[in-house]
Amino acid sequence: MEIEKLLPIGSIVKLKDAEKRLMIFGIKQSGTKDEESIETDYIGVLYPEGNMGNEYQYLFNHEHIEEIIFHGFEDNERDMFIEKVSKAFADKNKA
């Protein structure tokens, strides 16, 4: 997914086949799944509970979202951040 189209921090989503909603608290995250390194679009925590520890943090991609419940806050500061992240990923992919 294009970085510019990622949902902002604070967005609340429901994933396909999920019972609980998640609040996004990070984008373009790296982690491990089944002892393998992965990179995902988002990391989220249960809503409304929030952060309850690493075991309740979920890595997922935009394609896993079934419904956007709430679209998080966007402003010029976020726009500048997204520009920097986009450039960093473009430079990384060139190498």
N, C-alpha and C. Protein backbone atom coordinates (compact mmCIF):
# COMPACT_ATOMS: atom_id res chain seq x y z
N MET A 1 0.84 -1.18 0.00
CA MET A 1 0.00 0.00 0.00
C MET A 1 0.88 1.24 0.00
N GLU A 2 0.44 2.27 -0.70
CA GLU A 2 1.18 3.52 -0.72
C GLU A 2 1.14 4.17 0.66
N ILE A 3 2.29 4.61 1.11
CA ILE A 3 2.40 5.20 2.44
C ILE A 3 1.46 6.39 2.60
N GLU A 4 1.29 7.17 1.56
CA GLU A 4 0.43 8.36 1.62
C GLU A 4 -1.02 8.01 1.90
N LYS A 5 -1.43 6.78 1.63
CA LYS A 5 -2.83 6.38 1.82
C LYS A 5 -3.07 5.66 3.14
N LEU A 6 -2.03 5.49 3.95
CA LEU A 6 -2.19 4.82 5.24
C LEU A 6 -3.05 5.66 6.18
N LEU A 7 -3.82 5.00 7.00
CA LEU A 7 -4.66 5.69 7.99
C LEU A 7 -3.78 6.34 9.06
N PRO A 8 -4.22 7.45 9.61
CA PRO A 8 -3.44 8.11 10.66
C PRO A 8 -3.57 7.41 12.01
N ILE A 9 -2.61 7.71 12.86
CA ILE A 9 -2.61 7.25 14.24
C ILE A 9 -3.95 7.65 14.87
N GLY A 10 -4.48 6.77 15.71
CA GLY A 10 -5.75 7.06 16.38
C GLY A 10 -6.96 6.54 15.63
N SER A 11 -6.76 6.10 14.38
CA SER A 11 -7.88 5.53 13.63
C SER A 11 -8.33 4.23 14.30
N ILE A 12 -9.61 3.98 14.27
CA ILE A 12 -10.18 2.77 14.86
C ILE A 12 -10.78 1.94 13.73
N VAL A 13 -10.38 0.67 13.69
CA VAL A 13 -10.78 -0.20 12.60
C VAL A 13 -11.29 -1.53 13.13
N LYS A 14 -12.03 -2.23 12.30
CA LYS A 14 -12.42 -3.61 12.58
C LYS A 14 -11.82 -4.45 11.47
N LEU A 15 -11.07 -5.48 11.86
CA LEU A 15 -10.45 -6.36 10.89
C LEU A 15 -11.44 -7.44 10.45
N LYS A 16 -11.19 -7.98 9.27
CA LYS A 16 -12.02 -9.09 8.78
C LYS A 16 -11.95 -10.24 9.78
N ASP A 17 -13.07 -10.85 10.06
CA ASP A 17 -13.19 -12.00 10.97
C ASP A 17 -12.77 -11.68 12.40
N ALA A 18 -12.78 -10.42 12.80
CA ALA A 18 -12.40 -10.04 14.17
C ALA A 18 -13.65 -9.72 14.99
N GLU A 19 -13.54 -9.94 16.29
CA GLU A 19 -14.64 -9.59 17.20
C GLU A 19 -14.44 -8.19 17.78
N LYS A 20 -13.19 -7.82 18.06
CA LYS A 20 -12.88 -6.54 18.70
C LYS A 20 -12.34 -5.55 17.68
N ARG A 21 -12.52 -4.28 18.00
CA ARG A 21 -11.95 -3.22 17.18
C ARG A 21 -10.53 -2.93 17.66
N LEU A 22 -9.73 -2.34 16.78
CA LEU A 22 -8.36 -1.96 17.10
C LEU A 22 -8.17 -0.47 16.87
N MET A 23 -7.32 0.14 17.70
CA MET A 23 -6.90 1.51 17.47
C MET A 23 -5.47 1.48 16.97
N ILE A 24 -5.23 2.12 15.85
CA ILE A 24 -3.90 2.16 15.25
C ILE A 24 -3.02 3.11 16.06
N PHE A 25 -1.84 2.62 16.44
CA PHE A 25 -0.90 3.50 17.14
C PHE A 25 0.46 3.56 16.47
N GLY A 26 0.60 2.94 15.31
CA GLY A 26 1.84 3.02 14.56
C GLY A 26 1.65 2.55 13.13
N ILE A 27 2.45 3.12 12.22
CA ILE A 27 2.41 2.71 10.82
C ILE A 27 3.77 2.21 10.39
N LYS A 28 3.78 1.39 9.32
CA LYS A 28 5.00 0.82 8.75
C LYS A 28 5.86 0.21 9.85
N GLN A 29 5.32 -0.85 10.43
CA GLN A 29 5.95 -1.51 11.58
C GLN A 29 6.68 -2.78 11.17
N SER A 30 7.75 -3.07 11.88
CA SER A 30 8.49 -4.33 11.70
C SER A 30 8.27 -5.18 12.94
N GLY A 31 8.22 -6.47 12.74
CA GLY A 31 8.04 -7.37 13.87
C GLY A 31 8.35 -8.79 13.44
N THR A 32 7.94 -9.73 14.26
CA THR A 32 8.15 -11.13 13.92
C THR A 32 6.83 -11.88 14.03
N LYS A 33 6.67 -12.85 13.17
CA LYS A 33 5.52 -13.73 13.20
C LYS A 33 6.04 -15.13 12.89
N ASP A 34 5.76 -16.04 13.80
CA ASP A 34 6.27 -17.40 13.66
C ASP A 34 7.79 -17.38 13.47
N GLU A 35 8.45 -16.53 14.25
CA GLU A 35 9.91 -16.38 14.26
C GLU A 35 10.48 -15.89 12.93
N GLU A 36 9.65 -15.26 12.11
CA GLU A 36 10.07 -14.72 10.84
C GLU A 36 9.85 -13.21 10.85
N SER A 37 10.82 -12.45 10.33
CA SER A 37 10.70 -10.99 10.29
C SER A 37 9.65 -10.59 9.25
N ILE A 38 8.78 -9.67 9.67
CA ILE A 38 7.75 -9.17 8.75
C ILE A 38 7.68 -7.65 8.86
N GLU A 39 7.12 -7.03 7.84
CA GLU A 39 6.85 -5.60 7.86
C GLU A 39 5.38 -5.43 7.52
N THR A 40 4.68 -4.64 8.34
CA THR A 40 3.24 -4.45 8.13
C THR A 40 2.90 -2.97 8.03
N ASP A 41 1.70 -2.71 7.56
CA ASP A 41 1.24 -1.33 7.45
C ASP A 41 0.98 -0.70 8.81
N TYR A 42 0.44 -1.50 9.75
CA TYR A 42 -0.01 -0.93 11.02
C TYR A 42 0.33 -1.81 12.22
N ILE A 43 0.30 -1.18 13.38
CA ILE A 43 0.25 -1.88 14.65
C ILE A 43 -0.90 -1.25 15.44
N GLY A 44 -1.69 -2.09 16.09
CA GLY A 44 -2.84 -1.57 16.83
C GLY A 44 -3.02 -2.28 18.15
N VAL A 45 -3.84 -1.67 18.98
CA VAL A 45 -4.21 -2.23 20.28
C VAL A 45 -5.73 -2.30 20.35
N LEU A 46 -6.20 -3.16 21.25
CA LEU A 46 -7.64 -3.31 21.41
C LEU A 46 -8.29 -1.99 21.79
N TYR A 47 -9.47 -1.76 21.24
CA TYR A 47 -10.25 -0.58 21.60
C TYR A 47 -11.51 -1.06 22.31
N PRO A 48 -11.86 -0.53 23.44
CA PRO A 48 -11.35 0.68 24.09
C PRO A 48 -10.27 0.44 25.12
N GLU A 49 -9.80 -0.78 25.27
CA GLU A 49 -8.87 -1.12 26.35
C GLU A 49 -7.53 -0.40 26.24
N GLY A 50 -7.01 -0.27 25.02
CA GLY A 50 -5.70 0.36 24.84
C GLY A 50 -4.57 -0.62 25.09
N ASN A 51 -3.40 -0.10 25.36
CA ASN A 51 -2.20 -0.93 25.51
C ASN A 51 -2.25 -1.73 26.81
N MET A 52 -2.22 -3.05 26.66
CA MET A 52 -2.21 -3.95 27.82
C MET A 52 -0.98 -4.86 27.79
N GLY A 53 0.02 -4.48 27.00
CA GLY A 53 1.24 -5.27 26.90
C GLY A 53 1.45 -5.78 25.48
N ASN A 54 2.68 -6.23 25.23
CA ASN A 54 3.06 -6.67 23.89
C ASN A 54 2.17 -7.78 23.34
N GLU A 55 1.69 -8.65 24.20
CA GLU A 55 0.88 -9.77 23.71
C GLU A 55 -0.49 -9.33 23.18
N TYR A 56 -0.85 -8.06 23.43
CA TYR A 56 -2.11 -7.51 22.93
C TYR A 56 -1.89 -6.40 21.92
N GLN A 57 -0.77 -6.45 21.23
CA GLN A 57 -0.48 -5.54 20.13
C GLN A 57 -0.53 -6.35 18.85
N TYR A 58 -1.21 -5.83 17.84
CA TYR A 58 -1.49 -6.60 16.64
C TYR A 58 -0.92 -5.91 15.41
N LEU A 59 -0.12 -6.66 14.65
CA LEU A 59 0.42 -6.19 13.38
C LEU A 59 -0.54 -6.60 12.27
N PHE A 60 -0.84 -5.68 11.35
CA PHE A 60 -1.75 -6.02 10.26
C PHE A 60 -1.55 -5.07 9.09
N ASN A 61 -2.05 -5.48 7.94
CA ASN A 61 -1.97 -4.68 6.73
C ASN A 61 -3.33 -4.08 6.39
N HIS A 62 -3.30 -3.07 5.55
CA HIS A 62 -4.51 -2.35 5.19
C HIS A 62 -5.57 -3.31 4.60
N GLU A 63 -5.12 -4.28 3.84
CA GLU A 63 -6.05 -5.22 3.20
C GLU A 63 -6.84 -6.06 4.20
N HIS A 64 -6.39 -6.13 5.45
CA HIS A 64 -7.08 -6.90 6.48
C HIS A 64 -8.24 -6.12 7.12
N ILE A 65 -8.34 -4.83 6.81
CA ILE A 65 -9.38 -3.99 7.40
C ILE A 65 -10.71 -4.23 6.70
N GLU A 66 -11.71 -4.53 7.51
CA GLU A 66 -13.07 -4.70 7.00
C GLU A 66 -13.83 -3.37 7.03
N GLU A 67 -13.61 -2.61 8.12
CA GLU A 67 -14.37 -1.37 8.30
C GLU A 67 -13.52 -0.34 9.04
N ILE A 68 -13.59 0.90 8.58
CA ILE A 68 -12.95 2.01 9.28
C ILE A 68 -14.04 2.65 10.14
N ILE A 69 -13.90 2.53 11.45
CA ILE A 69 -14.89 3.05 12.39
C ILE A 69 -14.68 4.55 12.61
N PHE A 70 -13.41 4.93 12.76
CA PHE A 70 -13.06 6.33 13.03
C PHE A 70 -11.75 6.63 12.32
N HIS A 71 -11.72 7.72 11.57
CA HIS A 71 -10.53 8.16 10.87
C HIS A 71 -9.77 9.13 11.77
N GLY A 72 -8.52 8.80 12.10
CA GLY A 72 -7.72 9.61 13.02
C GLY A 72 -7.39 11.00 12.51
N PHE A 73 -6.80 11.78 13.38
CA PHE A 73 -6.48 13.19 13.14
C PHE A 73 -5.36 13.34 12.12
N GLU A 74 -5.52 14.32 11.22
CA GLU A 74 -4.48 14.65 10.24
C GLU A 74 -4.26 16.15 10.24
N ASP A 75 -2.99 16.54 10.13
CA ASP A 75 -2.65 17.96 10.02
C ASP A 75 -1.33 18.09 9.26
N ASN A 76 -0.78 19.30 9.21
CA ASN A 76 0.47 19.54 8.47
C ASN A 76 1.63 18.74 9.04
N GLU A 77 1.67 18.57 10.36
CA GLU A 77 2.75 17.80 10.98
C GLU A 77 2.72 16.35 10.49
N ARG A 78 1.53 15.76 10.42
CA ARG A 78 1.41 14.40 9.90
C ARG A 78 1.81 14.35 8.43
N ASP A 79 1.40 15.35 7.66
CA ASP A 79 1.76 15.40 6.24
C ASP A 79 3.28 15.39 6.07
N MET A 80 3.99 16.17 6.88
CA MET A 80 5.46 16.21 6.81
C MET A 80 6.05 14.86 7.21
N PHE A 81 5.48 14.23 8.23
CA PHE A 81 5.94 12.91 8.68
C PHE A 81 5.78 11.89 7.55
N ILE A 82 4.61 11.87 6.92
CA ILE A 82 4.34 10.92 5.83
C ILE A 82 5.31 11.15 4.68
N GLU A 83 5.61 12.40 4.38
CA GLU A 83 6.60 12.72 3.33
C GLU A 83 7.96 12.11 3.67
N LYS A 84 8.40 12.28 4.91
CA LYS A 84 9.70 11.75 5.33
C LYS A 84 9.71 10.23 5.28
N VAL A 85 8.64 9.60 5.75
CA VAL A 85 8.57 8.14 5.73
C VAL A 85 8.57 7.63 4.29
N SER A 86 7.82 8.28 3.42
CA SER A 86 7.77 7.89 2.01
C SER A 86 9.15 7.97 1.38
N LYS A 87 9.87 9.06 1.66
CA LYS A 87 11.21 9.23 1.11
C LYS A 87 12.16 8.17 1.65
N ALA A 88 12.07 7.89 2.94
CA ALA A 88 12.94 6.89 3.56
C ALA A 88 12.71 5.52 2.94
N PHE A 89 11.45 5.16 2.71
CA PHE A 89 11.15 3.86 2.10
C PHE A 89 11.57 3.82 0.64
N ALA A 90 11.43 4.93 -0.07
CA ALA A 90 11.87 4.99 -1.47
C ALA A 90 13.38 4.81 -1.54
N ASP A 91 14.11 5.50 -0.65
CA ASP A 91 15.57 5.37 -0.61
C ASP A 91 15.98 3.95 -0.24
N LYS A 92 15.27 3.34 0.70
CA LYS A 92 15.57 1.97 1.14
C LYS A 92 15.37 0.99 -0.01
N ASN A 93 14.32 1.19 -0.80
CA ASN A 93 14.02 0.29 -1.91
C ASN A 93 14.98 0.44 -3.07
N LYS A 94 15.64 1.61 -3.17
CA LYS A 94 16.65 1.83 -4.22
C LYS A 94 17.92 1.06 -3.92
N ALA A 95 18.21 0.89 -2.62
CA ALA A 95 19.48 0.26 -2.22
C ALA A 95 19.50 -1.23 -2.49
